[in-house]
Amino acid sequence: MRMPLKVTIAGVVALGLGCSGMGAASAVPRSVEPNLVTTLRCDVPDPWPGPPMRTYVDVFNQVAYPSDGLPGPVIDLIATNPRLQGGTQGFLEYTSQTTVTWRNLTNGRTGRVVVPTRARANTWEVNIHPGPGRVAFTIHQKVGAMAFVPMVNPQSSSCSGVATA
């Protein structure tokens, strides 16, 4: 009978240690939320028959934990397409290559980020690491249909913006 009593006491002690009033653990520390600087409209012609693809690019700064895991400062560009294109209802796919060229107007640094994607809408995310200062960037999108091979009937567009990192 003593054996079950020891197990019970050990279980109670372990339960008590796990429930000490120290608060719940969290994997992500509390931080400042990213700051939405602006939203750019960067439409591109649809490689499938249909109207141009409305593409909105949200520009964020003050991103504490960028998706690429690199240290800041960072400017995060996230493109979304608000609806499925034409009458395709989402079973047709797109391939894209998004190139962002940037220049830090404060310190003179320049760079280029290329991101390939494949999705049912024109969506992508780019993190640029220009260092602190005011940054001018240009987004070049090349979007093609995925029809047994990528980038069929490619269509292109460009748009520009400015943000402070």
C-alpha atoms as a PDB file:
ATOM      1  CA  MET A   1       0.000   0.000   0.000  1.00  0.00           C
ATOM      2  CA  ARG A   2       2.881   2.347   0.506  1.00  0.00           C
ATOM      3  CA  MET A   3       3.837   2.207  -3.191  1.00  0.00           C
ATOM      4  CA  PRO A   4       0.613   3.796  -4.476  1.00  0.00           C
ATOM      5  CA  LEU A   5       0.913   6.446  -1.785  1.00  0.00           C
ATOM      6  CA  LYS A   6       4.416   7.437  -3.014  1.00  0.00           C
ATOM      7  CA  VAL A   7       3.200   7.630  -6.610  1.00  0.00           C
ATOM      8  CA  THR A   8       0.258   9.755  -5.523  1.00  0.00           C
ATOM      9  CA  ILE A   9       2.474  12.155  -3.568  1.00  0.00           C
ATOM     10  CA  ALA A  10       4.947  12.379  -6.476  1.00  0.00           C
ATOM     11  CA  GLY A  11       2.081  13.050  -8.851  1.00  0.00           C
ATOM     12  CA  VAL A  12       0.687  15.792  -6.610  1.00  0.00           C
ATOM     13  CA  VAL A  13       4.140  17.394  -6.257  1.00  0.00           C
ATOM     14  CA  ALA A  14       4.684  17.274 -10.042  1.00  0.00           C
ATOM     15  CA  LEU A  15       1.227  18.728 -10.633  1.00  0.00           C
ATOM     16  CA  GLY A  16       1.917  21.463  -8.088  1.00  0.00           C
ATOM     17  CA  LEU A  17       5.220  22.390  -9.773  1.00  0.00           C
ATOM     18  CA  GLY A  18       3.556  22.566 -13.165  1.00  0.00           C
ATOM     19  CA  CYS A  19       0.785  24.807 -11.844  1.00  0.00           C
ATOM     20  CA  SER A  20       2.873  27.254  -9.866  1.00  0.00           C
ATOM     21  CA  GLY A  21       1.580  30.806 -10.153  1.00  0.00           C
ATOM     22  CA  MET A  22       4.381  31.858 -12.533  1.00  0.00           C
ATOM     23  CA  GLY A  23       2.114  32.306 -15.572  1.00  0.00           C
ATOM     24  CA  ALA A  24       1.826  30.500 -18.864  1.00  0.00           C
ATOM     25  CA  ALA A  25       4.820  30.062 -21.151  1.00  0.00           C
ATOM     26  CA  SER A  26       4.723  31.553 -24.620  1.00  0.00           C
ATOM     27  CA  ALA A  27       6.869  30.719 -27.650  1.00  0.00           C
ATOM     28  CA  VAL A  28       6.537  34.207 -29.127  1.00  0.00           C
ATOM     29  CA  PRO A  29       7.500  37.116 -26.905  1.00  0.00           C
ATOM     30  CA  ARG A  30       5.188  40.089 -26.730  1.00  0.00           C
ATOM     31  CA  SER A  31       6.351  42.736 -29.192  1.00  0.00           C
ATOM     32  CA  VAL A  32       5.315  45.749 -31.135  1.00  0.00           C
ATOM     33  CA  GLU A  33       2.904  44.931 -33.941  1.00  0.00           C
ATOM     34  CA  PRO A  34       4.144  45.567 -37.496  1.00  0.00           C
ATOM     35  CA  ASN A  35       3.254  49.004 -38.810  1.00  0.00           C
ATOM     36  CA  LEU A  36       1.195  49.148 -42.030  1.00  0.00           C
ATOM     37  CA  VAL A  37       2.859  51.959 -44.004  1.00  0.00           C
ATOM     38  CA  THR A  38       0.681  51.867 -47.112  1.00  0.00           C
ATOM     39  CA  THR A  39      -1.128  49.598 -49.549  1.00  0.00           C
ATOM     40  CA  LEU A  40      -0.079  49.763 -53.197  1.00  0.00           C
ATOM     41  CA  ARG A  41      -2.222  48.682 -56.113  1.00  0.00           C
ATOM     42  CA  CYS A  42      -0.031  46.672 -58.477  1.00  0.00           C
ATOM     43  CA  ASP A  43      -2.316  45.056 -61.063  1.00  0.00           C
ATOM     44  CA  VAL A  44      -1.015  42.620 -63.667  1.00  0.00           C
ATOM     45  CA  PRO A  45      -2.763  41.269 -66.800  1.00  0.00           C
ATOM     46  CA  ASP A  46      -4.218  37.784 -66.305  1.00  0.00           C
ATOM     47  CA  PRO A  47      -2.393  35.113 -68.354  1.00  0.00           C
ATOM     48  CA  TRP A  48      -5.674  33.164 -68.441  1.00  0.00           C
ATOM     49  CA  PRO A  49      -8.481  34.872 -70.383  1.00  0.00           C
ATOM     50  CA  GLY A  50     -10.116  37.399 -68.096  1.00  0.00           C
ATOM     51  CA  PRO A  51      -9.838  40.838 -66.560  1.00  0.00           C
ATOM     52  CA  PRO A  52      -6.556  42.110 -65.085  1.00  0.00           C
ATOM     53  CA  MET A  53      -5.598  40.605 -61.738  1.00  0.00           C
ATOM     54  CA  ARG A  54      -6.158  43.204 -59.009  1.00  0.00           C
ATOM     55  CA  THR A  55      -3.165  42.877 -56.735  1.00  0.00           C
ATOM     56  CA  TYR A  56      -2.775  44.811 -53.494  1.00  0.00           C
ATOM     57  CA  VAL A  57       0.655  45.012 -51.865  1.00  0.00           C
ATOM     58  CA  ASP A  58       0.667  45.823 -48.139  1.00  0.00           C
ATOM     59  CA  VAL A  59       3.902  47.520 -47.048  1.00  0.00           C
ATOM     60  CA  PHE A  60       4.934  46.984 -43.407  1.00  0.00           C
ATOM     61  CA  ASN A  61       7.824  48.263 -41.312  1.00  0.00           C
ATOM     62  CA  GLN A  62       8.721  47.734 -37.633  1.00  0.00           C
ATOM     63  CA  VAL A  63       8.429  43.961 -38.163  1.00  0.00           C
ATOM     64  CA  ALA A  64       9.974  42.364 -35.069  1.00  0.00           C
ATOM     65  CA  TYR A  65      10.023  38.799 -36.414  1.00  0.00           C
ATOM     66  CA  PRO A  66      10.196  38.706 -40.234  1.00  0.00           C
ATOM     67  CA  SER A  67       9.228  35.479 -41.980  1.00  0.00           C
ATOM     68  CA  ASP A  68      12.754  34.946 -43.323  1.00  0.00           C
ATOM     69  CA  GLY A  69      14.156  34.917 -39.769  1.00  0.00           C
ATOM     70  CA  LEU A  70      16.848  37.515 -40.476  1.00  0.00           C
ATOM     71  CA  PRO A  71      17.374  40.474 -38.133  1.00  0.00           C
ATOM     72  CA  GLY A  72      15.808  43.866 -38.847  1.00  0.00           C
ATOM     73  CA  PRO A  73      15.246  46.505 -39.757  1.00  0.00           C
ATOM     74  CA  VAL A  74      13.060  45.011 -42.457  1.00  0.00           C
ATOM     75  CA  ILE A  75      10.386  46.161 -44.868  1.00  0.00           C
ATOM     76  CA  ASP A  76       7.825  43.429 -45.509  1.00  0.00           C
ATOM     77  CA  LEU A  77       5.806  43.423 -48.743  1.00  0.00           C
ATOM     78  CA  ILE A  78       2.770  41.116 -48.852  1.00  0.00           C
ATOM     79  CA  ALA A  79       0.735  40.815 -52.059  1.00  0.00           C
ATOM     80  CA  THR A  80      -2.840  39.574 -52.076  1.00  0.00           C
ATOM     81  CA  ASN A  81      -5.382  38.990 -54.775  1.00  0.00           C
ATOM     82  CA  PRO A  82      -8.882  39.538 -53.333  1.00  0.00           C
ATOM     83  CA  ARG A  83     -10.739  37.030 -55.473  1.00  0.00           C
ATOM     84  CA  LEU A  84     -10.289  34.006 -57.655  1.00  0.00           C
ATOM     85  CA  GLN A  85      -9.733  35.089 -61.225  1.00  0.00           C
ATOM     86  CA  GLY A  86     -12.464  34.978 -63.878  1.00  0.00           C
ATOM     87  CA  GLY A  87     -14.731  31.953 -63.899  1.00  0.00           C
ATOM     88  CA  THR A  88     -11.933  29.590 -63.000  1.00  0.00           C
ATOM     89  CA  GLN A  89     -13.143  29.199 -59.385  1.00  0.00           C
ATOM     90  CA  GLY A  90      -9.658  28.351 -58.209  1.00  0.00           C
ATOM     91  CA  PHE A  91      -8.769  25.212 -60.131  1.00  0.00           C
ATOM     92  CA  LEU A  92      -6.366  27.019 -62.500  1.00  0.00           C
ATOM     93  CA  GLU A  93      -2.935  27.900 -61.171  1.00  0.00           C
ATOM     94  CA  TYR A  94      -0.439  30.688 -61.674  1.00  0.00           C
ATOM     95  CA  THR A  95       3.330  30.816 -61.493  1.00  0.00           C
ATOM     96  CA  SER A  96       5.065  34.092 -60.827  1.00  0.00           C
ATOM     97  CA  GLN A  97       8.448  35.622 -60.386  1.00  0.00           C
ATOM     98  CA  THR A  98       8.468  38.773 -58.294  1.00  0.00           C
ATOM     99  CA  THR A  99      11.611  40.894 -58.269  1.00  0.00           C
ATOM    100  CA  VAL A 100      11.952  43.803 -55.856  1.00  0.00           C
ATOM    101  CA  THR A 101      14.815  46.223 -56.424  1.00  0.00           C
ATOM    102  CA  TRP A 102      15.463  48.735 -53.657  1.00  0.00           C
ATOM    103  CA  ARG A 103      17.682  51.658 -52.745  1.00  0.00           C
ATOM    104  CA  ASN A 104      18.164  53.040 -49.253  1.00  0.00           C
ATOM    105  CA  LEU A 105      18.033  56.814 -49.788  1.00  0.00           C
ATOM    106  CA  THR A 106      19.708  57.442 -46.409  1.00  0.00           C
ATOM    107  CA  ASN A 107      22.817  55.260 -46.620  1.00  0.00           C
ATOM    108  CA  GLY A 108      23.004  54.470 -50.368  1.00  0.00           C
ATOM    109  CA  ARG A 109      22.738  50.670 -50.063  1.00  0.00           C
ATOM    110  CA  THR A 110      20.995  48.857 -52.918  1.00  0.00           C
ATOM    111  CA  GLY A 111      19.662  45.352 -53.314  1.00  0.00           C
ATOM    112  CA  ARG A 112      17.441  42.973 -55.185  1.00  0.00           C
ATOM    113  CA  VAL A 113      15.188  40.158 -53.975  1.00  0.00           C
ATOM    114  CA  VAL A 114      13.676  37.544 -56.318  1.00  0.00           C
ATOM    115  CA  VAL A 115      10.784  35.355 -55.157  1.00  0.00           C
ATOM    116  CA  PRO A 116       9.220  32.615 -57.317  1.00  0.00           C
ATOM    117  CA  THR A 117       5.721  31.392 -56.397  1.00  0.00           C
ATOM    118  CA  ARG A 118       3.024  29.000 -57.530  1.00  0.00           C
ATOM    119  CA  ALA A 119      -0.543  29.502 -56.326  1.00  0.00           C
ATOM    120  CA  ARG A 120      -4.200  29.815 -57.330  1.00  0.00           C
ATOM    121  CA  ALA A 121      -4.033  33.607 -57.004  1.00  0.00           C
ATOM    122  CA  ASN A 122      -1.343  36.258 -57.311  1.00  0.00           C
ATOM    123  CA  THR A 123       0.020  36.121 -53.762  1.00  0.00           C
ATOM    124  CA  TRP A 124       3.588  36.473 -52.524  1.00  0.00           C
ATOM    125  CA  GLU A 125       5.722  37.897 -49.695  1.00  0.00           C
ATOM    126  CA  VAL A 126       9.080  39.664 -49.895  1.00  0.00           C
ATOM    127  CA  ASN A 127      11.296  40.828 -47.009  1.00  0.00           C
ATOM    128  CA  ILE A 128      13.895  43.466 -47.802  1.00  0.00           C
ATOM    129  CA  HIS A 129      16.711  44.291 -45.378  1.00  0.00           C
ATOM    130  CA  PRO A 130      17.987  47.754 -46.385  1.00  0.00           C
ATOM    131  CA  GLY A 131      19.317  48.967 -43.030  1.00  0.00           C
ATOM    132  CA  PRO A 132      17.785  51.968 -41.250  1.00  0.00           C
ATOM    133  CA  GLY A 133      16.516  54.863 -43.350  1.00  0.00           C
ATOM    134  CA  ARG A 134      14.121  55.838 -46.119  1.00  0.00           C
ATOM    135  CA  VAL A 135      13.889  53.202 -48.868  1.00  0.00           C
ATOM    136  CA  ALA A 136      12.582  53.456 -52.424  1.00  0.00           C
ATOM    137  CA  PHE A 137      11.616  50.154 -54.059  1.00  0.00           C
ATOM    138  CA  THR A 138      10.220  48.913 -57.369  1.00  0.00           C
ATOM    139  CA  ILE A 139       8.193  45.721 -57.675  1.00  0.00           C
ATOM    140  CA  HIS A 140       8.429  43.844 -60.991  1.00  0.00           C
ATOM    141  CA  GLN A 141       5.863  41.046 -61.358  1.00  0.00           C
ATOM    142  CA  LYS A 142       5.931  38.394 -64.062  1.00  0.00           C
ATOM    143  CA  VAL A 143       2.881  36.113 -63.851  1.00  0.00           C
ATOM    144  CA  GLY A 144       2.159  33.143 -66.095  1.00  0.00           C
ATOM    145  CA  ALA A 145      -0.402  30.385 -66.320  1.00  0.00           C
ATOM    146  CA  MET A 146       0.479  26.931 -65.031  1.00  0.00           C
ATOM    147  CA  ALA A 147      -0.589  24.723 -67.941  1.00  0.00           C
ATOM    148  CA  PHE A 148       1.445  21.494 -67.674  1.00  0.00           C
ATOM    149  CA  VAL A 149       4.547  23.718 -67.607  1.00  0.00           C
ATOM    150  CA  PRO A 150       5.155  26.915 -65.637  1.00  0.00           C
ATOM    151  CA  MET A 151       4.986  30.477 -66.990  1.00  0.00           C
ATOM    152  CA  VAL A 152       2.702  29.991 -70.001  1.00  0.00           C
ATOM    153  CA  ASN A 153       1.627  33.323 -71.583  1.00  0.00           C
ATOM    154  CA  PRO A 154       3.654  35.451 -69.115  1.00  0.00           C
ATOM    155  CA  GLN A 155       2.355  38.929 -68.290  1.00  0.00           C
ATOM    156  CA  SER A 156       4.352  41.679 -66.577  1.00  0.00           C
ATOM    157  CA  SER A 157       3.783  44.816 -64.528  1.00  0.00           C
ATOM    158  CA  SER A 158       5.702  47.180 -62.266  1.00  0.00           C
ATOM    159  CA  CYS A 159       4.865  49.525 -59.421  1.00  0.00           C
ATOM    160  CA  SER A 160       6.883  51.552 -56.919  1.00  0.00           C
ATOM    161  CA  GLY A 161       6.751  52.729 -53.338  1.00  0.00           C
ATOM    162  CA  VAL A 162       8.707  54.329 -50.517  1.00  0.00           C
ATOM    163  CA  ALA A 163       8.916  53.317 -46.850  1.00  0.00           C
ATOM    164  CA  THR A 164      11.158  53.934 -43.851  1.00  0.00           C
ATOM    165  CA  ALA A 165      12.938  50.928 -42.376  1.00  0.00           C
END
